[in-house]
Amino acid sequence: MNKELLTILKELKNIGPDPDYSKKSRFLILSRQKPETNSVSPNPLRFMNLLRFSAVLGVLIALVISGSLYYSGKSNKDELMVRAGELNGSIQVKLNEIKYLLENNNRHLNTKEIVAVQTMLDKTANELKEAGDLNKNNEDLKKSLEKIKAAQETLLQIDAMLK
């Protein structure tokens, strides 16, 4: 059995392609080669492809730039809004604390202190109103934030005066 297998393998090893098939295959392979292009003569299709590519690339660059500008502007605005929200929360806490101190204070305030507190509360109310107007008109958010900070500082002064 092993001898027969070896003889069959030796016969298969000697099998080669038909000469006509070899010529046809070689001719087909050689005929499919790309012809050399003359690099001196301009190719209009190549130029059009280059124009299309540059137009698409220009549009993509414009989209990336505009998207990044929009995102950076939006994130800055969102950051300012978060800060304003935090300050508003802090102001509300201070107002509640001042109300509590005024209602439950065993120490009686003299006329001078009452006038000072009223003046400072009016100043705070005006600053917060101006900040709200700036925010409603979508004007400068930084100015609005500065007004809110100033109101917070005034409330801290009132709190310190009442303690």
Protein backbone atom coordinates (compact mmCIF):
# COMPACT_ATOMS: atom_id res chain seq x y z
CA MET A 1 0.00 0.00 0.00
CA ASN A 2 2.82 2.39 0.91
CA LYS A 3 4.63 1.57 -2.35
CA GLU A 4 1.54 2.35 -4.39
CA LEU A 5 1.09 5.65 -2.57
CA LEU A 6 4.69 6.65 -3.25
CA THR A 7 4.43 5.82 -6.95
CA ILE A 8 1.19 7.83 -7.24
CA LEU A 9 2.81 10.82 -5.53
CA LYS A 10 5.83 10.63 -7.88
CA GLU A 11 3.53 10.59 -10.90
CA LEU A 12 1.56 13.57 -9.58
CA LYS A 13 4.80 15.46 -9.06
CA ASN A 14 5.62 15.21 -12.76
CA ILE A 15 2.29 16.70 -13.88
CA GLY A 16 2.74 20.10 -15.58
CA PRO A 17 0.49 22.59 -17.38
CA ASP A 18 -0.49 22.20 -21.00
CA PRO A 19 1.78 24.33 -23.26
CA ASP A 20 -1.24 26.10 -24.86
CA TYR A 21 -2.66 26.91 -21.46
CA SER A 22 0.71 28.35 -20.37
CA LYS A 23 0.88 30.65 -23.42
CA LYS A 24 -2.69 31.88 -22.95
CA SER A 25 -2.18 32.52 -19.24
CA ARG A 26 1.07 34.41 -19.81
CA PHE A 27 -0.55 36.50 -22.56
CA LEU A 28 -3.53 37.37 -20.31
CA ILE A 29 -1.33 38.31 -17.37
CA LEU A 30 0.93 40.51 -19.48
CA SER A 31 -1.95 42.20 -21.28
CA ARG A 32 -3.54 43.31 -17.98
CA GLN A 33 -0.58 45.39 -16.89
CA LYS A 34 -1.24 49.10 -16.55
CA PRO A 35 0.13 51.20 -19.33
CA GLU A 36 2.65 53.78 -18.24
CA THR A 37 1.22 57.28 -18.08
CA ASN A 38 3.15 60.24 -19.23
CA SER A 39 3.69 62.41 -16.16
CA VAL A 40 4.15 65.54 -18.30
CA SER A 41 0.68 65.52 -19.86
CA PRO A 42 -2.11 66.67 -17.49
CA ASN A 43 -4.95 64.28 -16.79
CA PRO A 44 -8.31 66.10 -16.44
CA LEU A 45 -9.85 63.28 -14.36
CA ARG A 46 -6.98 63.42 -11.95
CA PHE A 47 -7.41 67.19 -11.63
CA MET A 48 -11.17 66.80 -10.96
CA ASN A 49 -10.51 64.19 -8.28
CA LEU A 50 -8.03 66.55 -6.65
CA LEU A 51 -10.63 69.36 -6.70
CA ARG A 52 -13.30 67.10 -5.17
CA PHE A 53 -10.95 65.94 -2.47
CA SER A 54 -9.91 69.49 -1.58
CA ALA A 55 -13.56 70.65 -1.51
CA VAL A 56 -14.57 67.83 0.83
CA LEU A 57 -11.53 68.48 3.00
CA GLY A 58 -12.40 72.21 3.16
CA VAL A 59 -15.98 71.44 4.22
CA LEU A 60 -14.78 69.03 6.92
CA ILE A 61 -12.31 71.59 8.28
CA ALA A 62 -15.04 74.26 8.34
CA LEU A 63 -17.37 71.90 10.22
CA VAL A 64 -14.72 71.03 12.78
CA ILE A 65 -13.83 74.68 13.39
CA SER A 66 -17.44 75.82 13.68
CA GLY A 67 -18.28 72.92 15.98
CA SER A 68 -15.37 73.66 18.26
CA LEU A 69 -16.26 77.36 18.42
CA TYR A 70 -19.88 76.53 19.23
CA TYR A 71 -18.89 74.04 21.91
CA SER A 72 -16.37 76.37 23.56
CA GLY A 73 -18.90 79.23 23.61
CA LYS A 74 -21.60 76.98 24.99
CA SER A 75 -19.39 75.49 27.68
CA ASN A 76 -18.33 78.98 28.81
CA LYS A 77 -21.97 80.08 29.02
CA ASP A 78 -22.93 76.89 30.87
CA GLU A 79 -20.07 77.44 33.33
CA LEU A 80 -21.26 80.99 34.04
CA MET A 81 -24.82 79.76 34.53
CA VAL A 82 -23.66 77.11 37.01
CA ARG A 83 -21.70 79.73 38.96
CA ALA A 84 -24.71 82.05 39.01
CA GLY A 85 -26.88 79.19 40.28
CA GLU A 86 -24.42 78.46 43.07
CA LEU A 87 -24.31 82.10 44.07
CA ASN A 88 -28.11 82.32 44.03
CA GLY A 89 -28.28 79.34 46.37
CA SER A 90 -25.73 80.95 48.68
CA ILE A 91 -27.68 84.22 48.63
CA GLN A 92 -30.90 82.40 49.53
CA VAL A 93 -29.20 80.75 52.50
CA LYS A 94 -27.84 84.11 53.70
CA LEU A 95 -31.27 85.73 53.33
CA ASN A 96 -32.85 82.98 55.42
CA GLU A 97 -30.12 83.38 58.03
CA ILE A 98 -30.59 87.16 58.15
CA LYS A 99 -34.35 86.71 58.49
CA TYR A 100 -33.83 84.30 61.36
CA LEU A 101 -31.38 86.68 63.08
CA LEU A 102 -33.78 89.60 62.73
CA GLU A 103 -36.76 87.63 64.06
CA ASN A 104 -35.05 85.78 66.92
CA ASN A 105 -32.34 88.20 67.91
CA ASN A 106 -32.38 88.98 71.63
CA ARG A 107 -30.19 92.00 71.00
CA HIS A 108 -32.22 94.96 69.88
CA LEU A 109 -30.87 96.97 66.98
CA ASN A 110 -30.54 100.71 67.29
CA THR A 111 -31.86 103.09 64.65
CA LYS A 112 -28.48 103.55 63.01
CA GLU A 113 -28.04 99.77 62.54
CA ILE A 114 -31.59 99.38 61.19
CA VAL A 115 -31.00 102.12 58.60
CA ALA A 116 -27.67 100.55 57.61
CA VAL A 117 -29.30 97.12 57.17
CA GLN A 118 -32.15 98.60 55.13
CA THR A 119 -29.71 100.49 52.89
CA MET A 120 -27.61 97.39 52.33
CA LEU A 121 -30.70 95.29 51.58
CA ASP A 122 -31.86 97.90 49.04
CA LYS A 123 -28.41 97.83 47.44
CA THR A 124 -28.53 94.03 47.29
CA ALA A 125 -32.01 94.04 45.77
CA ASN A 126 -30.93 96.54 43.09
CA GLU A 127 -27.84 94.51 42.20
CA LEU A 128 -29.88 91.32 41.91
CA LYS A 129 -32.50 93.12 39.78
CA GLU A 130 -29.78 94.44 37.45
CA ALA A 131 -28.29 90.94 37.20
CA GLY A 132 -31.72 89.54 36.34
CA ASP A 133 -32.24 92.20 33.65
CA LEU A 134 -28.85 91.44 32.12
CA ASN A 135 -29.69 87.74 32.11
CA LYS A 136 -33.13 88.28 30.53
CA ASN A 137 -31.69 90.37 27.72
CA ASN A 138 -28.92 87.80 27.08
CA GLU A 139 -26.34 90.52 27.57
CA ASP A 140 -22.98 90.06 29.17
CA LEU A 141 -23.21 87.10 31.54
CA LYS A 142 -19.95 88.05 33.23
CA LYS A 143 -21.41 91.40 34.32
CA SER A 144 -24.47 89.59 35.63
CA LEU A 145 -22.26 87.24 37.60
CA GLU A 146 -20.30 90.19 39.04
CA LYS A 147 -23.57 91.81 40.18
CA ILE A 148 -24.62 88.58 41.89
CA LYS A 149 -21.21 88.34 43.62
CA ALA A 150 -21.52 91.94 44.81
CA ALA A 151 -24.98 91.16 46.23
CA GLN A 152 -23.54 88.13 48.02
CA GLU A 153 -20.78 90.24 49.54
CA THR A 154 -23.32 92.78 50.79
CA LEU A 155 -25.37 90.02 52.38
CA LEU A 156 -22.26 88.69 54.10
CA GLN A 157 -21.67 92.18 55.53
CA ILE A 158 -25.26 92.32 56.83
CA ASP A 159 -24.86 88.88 58.37
CA ALA A 160 -21.66 89.94 60.10
CA MET A 161 -23.32 93.11 61.40
CA LEU A 162 -26.27 91.18 62.89
CA LYS A 163 -24.17 88.59 64.72
